[in-house]
């Protein structure tokens, strides 16, 4: 059985997009002692969710992930070639330092940054991306993209996360997309889905890689849209409460006071 501390930490680690502060506020109110020891949970959440932070000098943003993590809560950003320290609880950055690109594919990496900037701006209202040498194989590059849309006034929040590995030697690309959407008006509905993309050859350099990523993700989004249409007209529609024969909505709060024949049927009680 999980300890109370593990249970509390799991609430942080699985918090819906854009709602971590609300979850933490609840934890501090209900379990103040456990709330003091959540640093590992904050770190895991920030890295898994590809949280975007402002760089210490205010010149741009960077993604937090296991792929660009250094020791002692430091991360590096290849676009600005700097490293920085992060307070995972507040998501604030500090102590910037130069960080040279340690890859034989530095020029390709820079070109991929440009290509992804163009691609993501065409498909997402706001997004962030980074390209880093892959931890386990520095001869390959890891491409990360994250886009968020938070609308708490309409009771929904969402996050899109893409992870790709590109091998310049074989010109092959493989990856996955994760989509997490939470809708909570008069209920609590969450969609957390993932799509894997098998390895494929992509020749033509950085621009071709950007186009292939856009192609894969457009197809995935189209599949999602079709799936939602099927659900809306099928399963979800069958779950909706049907109108009575009078075609008038039932006022359920007054149900106890109805006289079946007269009030519902509109005629005289028998």
Protein backbone atom coordinates (compact mmCIF):
# COMPACT_ATOMS: atom_id res chain seq x y z
CA UNK A 1 0.00 0.00 0.00
CA UNK A 2 1.29 3.45 -0.91
CA UNK A 3 2.25 5.77 1.91
CA UNK A 4 0.45 9.05 2.47
CA UNK A 5 3.47 10.92 1.08
CA UNK A 6 3.43 8.79 -2.09
CA UNK A 7 -0.30 9.36 -2.51
CA UNK A 8 0.09 13.11 -2.15
CA UNK A 9 3.02 13.12 -4.59
CA UNK A 10 0.92 11.23 -7.15
CA UNK A 11 -1.62 14.07 -7.13
CA UNK A 12 1.15 16.46 -8.19
CA UNK A 13 2.62 14.10 -10.79
CA UNK A 14 -0.77 13.53 -12.47
CA UNK A 15 -2.15 17.09 -12.22
CA UNK A 16 -4.10 18.13 -15.35
CA UNK A 17 -2.56 20.71 -17.70
CA UNK A 18 -2.55 24.22 -16.29
CA UNK A 19 -3.96 23.12 -12.93
CA UNK A 20 -0.88 22.31 -10.84
CA UNK A 21 -1.26 25.41 -8.66
CA UNK A 22 -4.84 24.42 -7.77
CA UNK A 23 -3.74 20.88 -6.89
CA UNK A 24 -0.90 22.19 -4.73
CA UNK A 25 -3.23 24.61 -2.93
CA UNK A 26 -5.53 21.72 -2.05
CA UNK A 27 -2.61 19.61 -0.83
CA UNK A 28 -1.33 22.42 1.39
CA UNK A 29 -4.79 22.77 2.93
CA UNK A 30 -5.43 19.04 3.43
CA UNK A 31 -1.94 17.64 4.03
CA UNK A 32 0.38 20.47 5.06
CA UNK A 33 3.08 18.17 6.44
CA UNK A 34 3.37 16.15 3.22
CA UNK A 35 3.34 19.35 1.15
CA UNK A 36 6.77 20.22 2.54
CA UNK A 37 8.44 17.24 0.83
CA UNK A 38 7.18 17.43 -2.75
CA UNK A 39 10.38 18.53 -4.52
CA UNK A 40 10.84 15.19 -6.37
CA UNK A 41 7.20 15.26 -7.49
CA UNK A 42 7.53 18.82 -8.83
CA UNK A 43 10.66 17.82 -10.77
CA UNK A 44 8.98 14.74 -12.24
CA UNK A 45 5.90 16.74 -13.24
CA UNK A 46 7.89 19.55 -14.87
CA UNK A 47 10.07 17.17 -16.86
CA UNK A 48 7.32 14.81 -18.00
CA UNK A 49 4.98 17.66 -18.99
CA UNK A 50 7.71 19.58 -20.87
CA UNK A 51 6.99 22.67 -18.80
CA UNK A 52 8.18 25.88 -20.47
CA UNK A 53 10.06 28.39 -18.30
CA UNK A 54 11.37 31.89 -18.91
CA UNK A 55 15.15 32.10 -19.23
CA UNK A 56 16.92 34.04 -16.44
CA UNK A 57 17.84 36.98 -18.67
CA UNK A 58 14.25 37.20 -19.98
CA UNK A 59 15.48 36.49 -23.51
CA UNK A 60 13.17 33.68 -24.53
CA UNK A 61 11.91 30.45 -23.02
CA UNK A 62 13.15 26.89 -22.59
CA UNK A 63 11.60 23.46 -22.07
CA UNK A 64 12.29 21.34 -19.01
CA UNK A 65 12.71 17.65 -19.84
CA UNK A 66 14.85 14.62 -19.04
CA UNK A 67 16.61 15.16 -22.39
CA UNK A 68 18.21 18.51 -21.50
CA UNK A 69 18.69 17.88 -17.79
CA UNK A 70 22.05 18.38 -16.06
CA UNK A 71 23.05 17.78 -12.45
CA UNK A 72 21.75 19.80 -9.48
CA UNK A 73 18.48 20.97 -11.08
CA UNK A 74 20.27 22.55 -14.03
CA UNK A 75 19.10 22.37 -17.64
CA UNK A 76 20.53 23.55 -20.93
CA UNK A 77 18.94 25.30 -23.89
CA UNK A 78 20.54 24.67 -27.27
CA UNK A 79 18.87 27.64 -28.99
CA UNK A 80 20.66 30.14 -26.75
CA UNK A 81 23.54 27.79 -25.84
CA UNK A 82 23.11 28.48 -22.13
CA UNK A 83 22.39 26.46 -19.02
CA UNK A 84 20.36 27.57 -16.03
CA UNK A 85 19.14 26.48 -12.62
CA UNK A 86 15.45 25.80 -11.87
CA UNK A 87 13.37 25.96 -8.73
CA UNK A 88 10.88 23.23 -9.60
CA UNK A 89 8.27 24.36 -7.07
CA UNK A 90 8.04 27.90 -8.45
CA UNK A 91 9.26 27.10 -11.98
CA UNK A 92 11.65 30.06 -11.74
CA UNK A 93 15.09 30.05 -13.38
CA UNK A 94 18.38 31.59 -12.27
CA UNK A 95 22.18 31.47 -12.57
CA UNK A 96 22.66 31.34 -16.38
CA UNK A 97 25.95 30.04 -17.76
CA UNK A 98 27.34 29.43 -21.27
CA UNK A 99 26.74 25.89 -22.55
CA UNK A 100 28.38 24.91 -25.83
CA UNK A 101 26.71 22.45 -28.20
CA UNK A 102 28.35 19.05 -27.73
CA UNK A 103 27.34 17.32 -30.94
CA UNK A 104 28.88 16.72 -34.36
CA UNK A 105 25.57 17.90 -35.82
CA UNK A 106 25.57 21.46 -34.46
CA UNK A 107 24.73 23.06 -37.83
CA UNK A 108 21.89 20.61 -38.44
CA UNK A 109 20.57 21.28 -34.94
CA UNK A 110 20.47 25.02 -35.58
CA UNK A 111 18.71 24.49 -38.92
CA UNK A 112 16.17 22.22 -37.22
CA UNK A 113 15.45 25.02 -34.75
CA UNK A 114 14.62 27.33 -37.66
CA UNK A 115 12.52 24.69 -39.44
CA UNK A 116 10.53 23.85 -36.28
CA UNK A 117 9.94 27.55 -35.59
CA UNK A 118 8.30 27.88 -39.01
CA UNK A 119 6.34 24.62 -38.74
CA UNK A 120 5.03 25.15 -35.23
CA UNK A 121 3.96 28.75 -35.91
CA UNK A 122 1.78 27.49 -38.78
CA UNK A 123 0.01 24.84 -36.71
CA UNK A 124 -0.14 26.08 -33.09
CA UNK A 125 -1.27 29.45 -31.66
CA UNK A 126 1.60 29.26 -29.16
CA UNK A 127 4.25 26.59 -28.74
CA UNK A 128 7.83 25.92 -27.70
CA UNK A 129 10.38 23.46 -29.00
CA UNK A 130 13.94 22.35 -28.46
CA UNK A 131 16.41 20.04 -30.16
CA UNK A 132 19.11 18.31 -28.11
CA UNK A 133 21.69 15.56 -28.59
CA UNK A 134 20.05 12.33 -27.42
CA UNK A 135 21.24 11.28 -23.95
CA UNK A 136 21.78 7.63 -24.81
CA UNK A 137 23.16 8.22 -28.32
CA UNK A 138 24.84 11.59 -28.99
CA UNK A 139 24.98 10.75 -32.73
CA UNK A 140 21.19 11.29 -32.89
CA UNK A 141 19.05 14.33 -32.07
CA UNK A 142 15.93 14.53 -29.91
CA UNK A 143 13.23 16.97 -31.00
CA UNK A 144 10.69 18.17 -28.42
CA UNK A 145 7.62 20.32 -29.03
CA UNK A 146 4.99 21.42 -26.53
CA UNK A 147 1.85 23.50 -27.09
CA UNK A 148 -0.70 24.48 -24.45
CA UNK A 149 -4.13 26.05 -24.46
CA UNK A 150 -5.62 26.99 -21.11
CA UNK A 151 -9.20 28.24 -20.84
CA UNK A 152 -10.21 28.01 -17.16
CA UNK A 153 -13.06 30.46 -17.69
CA UNK A 154 -14.58 27.82 -19.97
CA UNK A 155 -13.56 24.94 -17.68
CA UNK A 156 -10.99 23.24 -19.91
CA UNK A 157 -7.21 23.05 -20.35
CA UNK A 158 -5.03 21.10 -22.76
CA UNK A 159 -1.39 20.23 -23.55
CA UNK A 160 0.20 18.73 -26.68
CA UNK A 161 3.64 17.08 -26.36
CA UNK A 162 5.73 15.73 -29.23
CA UNK A 163 8.94 13.71 -28.92
CA UNK A 164 11.01 12.65 -31.95
CA UNK A 165 14.41 11.09 -32.51
CA UNK A 166 16.23 11.93 -35.74
CA UNK A 167 19.29 10.02 -36.90
CA UNK A 168 21.29 12.15 -39.37
CA UNK A 169 23.39 9.18 -40.49
CA UNK A 170 20.41 7.06 -41.57
CA UNK A 171 18.08 10.06 -42.10
CA UNK A 172 15.38 8.28 -40.11
CA UNK A 173 12.75 9.85 -37.89
CA UNK A 174 10.60 8.19 -35.20
CA UNK A 175 8.57 9.56 -32.33
CA UNK A 176 5.30 10.02 -30.53
CA UNK A 177 2.66 12.59 -29.59
CA UNK A 178 0.79 12.85 -26.29
CA UNK A 179 -2.40 14.89 -25.89
CA UNK A 180 -3.87 15.65 -22.47
CA UNK A 181 -7.21 17.50 -22.25
CA UNK A 182 -9.24 18.15 -19.09
CA UNK A 183 -12.86 19.40 -19.19
CA UNK A 184 -14.53 20.02 -15.85
CA UNK A 185 -17.75 22.03 -16.19
CA UNK A 186 -20.42 20.29 -14.09
CA UNK A 187 -18.33 17.13 -14.24
CA UNK A 188 -14.83 15.81 -14.71
CA UNK A 189 -13.75 14.43 -18.10
CA UNK A 190 -10.13 13.88 -19.08
CA UNK A 191 -8.66 12.58 -22.31
CA UNK A 192 -5.06 11.37 -22.18
CA UNK A 193 -4.01 9.78 -25.45
CA UNK A 194 -0.76 8.86 -27.21
CA UNK A 195 0.21 8.15 -30.82
CA UNK A 196 3.42 6.34 -31.83
CA UNK A 197 5.11 7.01 -35.18
CA UNK A 198 7.28 4.18 -36.52
CA UNK A 199 10.72 4.94 -37.90
CA UNK A 200 10.71 6.34 -41.44
CA UNK A 201 13.30 7.74 -43.80
CA UNK A 202 13.26 11.51 -44.24
CA UNK A 203 15.81 12.85 -46.70
CA UNK A 204 16.22 16.51 -47.54
CA UNK A 205 17.63 18.01 -44.35
CA UNK A 206 16.05 20.09 -41.62
CA UNK A 207 13.19 21.53 -43.68
CA UNK A 208 12.13 18.05 -44.80
CA UNK A 209 12.12 16.89 -41.17
CA UNK A 210 9.90 19.83 -40.22
CA UNK A 211 7.48 19.05 -43.05
CA UNK A 212 7.33 15.37 -42.10
CA UNK A 213 6.57 16.21 -38.46
CA UNK A 214 3.77 18.54 -39.59
CA UNK A 215 2.39 15.82 -41.87
CA UNK A 216 2.37 13.20 -39.11
CA UNK A 217 0.75 15.49 -36.57
CA UNK A 218 -1.90 16.80 -38.98
CA UNK A 219 -2.91 13.21 -39.75
CA UNK A 220 -3.10 12.42 -36.03
CA UNK A 221 -5.29 15.45 -35.37
CA UNK A 222 -7.59 14.54 -38.25
CA UNK A 223 -7.96 11.04 -36.80
CA UNK A 224 -8.82 12.54 -33.41
CA UNK A 225 -11.46 14.79 -34.97
CA UNK A 226 -13.06 11.85 -36.75
CA UNK A 227 -13.03 9.84 -33.52
CA UNK A 228 -14.77 12.63 -31.64
CA UNK A 229 -17.42 12.82 -34.35
CA UNK A 230 -18.13 9.10 -34.01
CA UNK A 231 -18.33 9.40 -30.22
CA UNK A 232 -20.62 12.42 -30.39
CA UNK A 233 -23.07 10.80 -32.78
CA UNK A 234 -22.80 7.33 -31.27
CA UNK A 235 -21.82 6.47 -27.71
CA UNK A 236 -22.23 9.92 -26.16
CA UNK A 237 -25.55 10.57 -27.89
CA UNK A 238 -26.98 7.30 -26.57
CA UNK A 239 -26.02 8.35 -23.05
CA UNK A 240 -27.91 11.65 -23.19
CA UNK A 241 -31.19 11.88 -21.32
CA UNK A 242 -34.03 11.75 -23.84
CA UNK A 243 -36.95 14.20 -23.79
CA UNK A 244 -40.36 12.81 -22.71
CA UNK A 245 -43.21 12.47 -25.20
CA UNK A 246 -44.24 16.08 -24.49
CA UNK A 247 -40.85 17.19 -25.89
CA UNK A 248 -40.41 19.40 -22.83
CA UNK A 249 -37.51 19.17 -20.45
CA UNK A 250 -38.26 17.50 -17.15
CA UNK A 251 -37.75 19.77 -14.13
CA UNK A 252 -36.18 17.07 -11.98
CA UNK A 253 -35.95 19.23 -8.89
CA UNK A 254 -39.79 19.30 -8.87
CA UNK A 255 -40.15 15.61 -9.63
CA UNK A 256 -41.41 14.69 -6.14
CA UNK A 257 -44.33 17.09 -6.54
CA UNK A 258 -45.52 15.90 -9.94
CA UNK A 259 -48.86 14.13 -10.30
CA UNK A 260 -48.05 11.66 -13.03
CA UNK A 261 -51.17 11.98 -15.21
CA UNK A 262 -52.02 15.68 -14.80
CA UNK A 263 -48.65 17.44 -14.48
CA UNK A 264 -46.59 15.38 -16.89
CA UNK A 265 -49.23 14.34 -19.39
CA UNK A 266 -50.98 17.70 -19.36
CA UNK A 267 -54.40 16.17 -18.76
CA UNK A 268 -56.62 15.54 -15.77
CA UNK A 269 -55.60 13.06 -13.11
CA UNK A 270 -57.50 9.80 -13.43
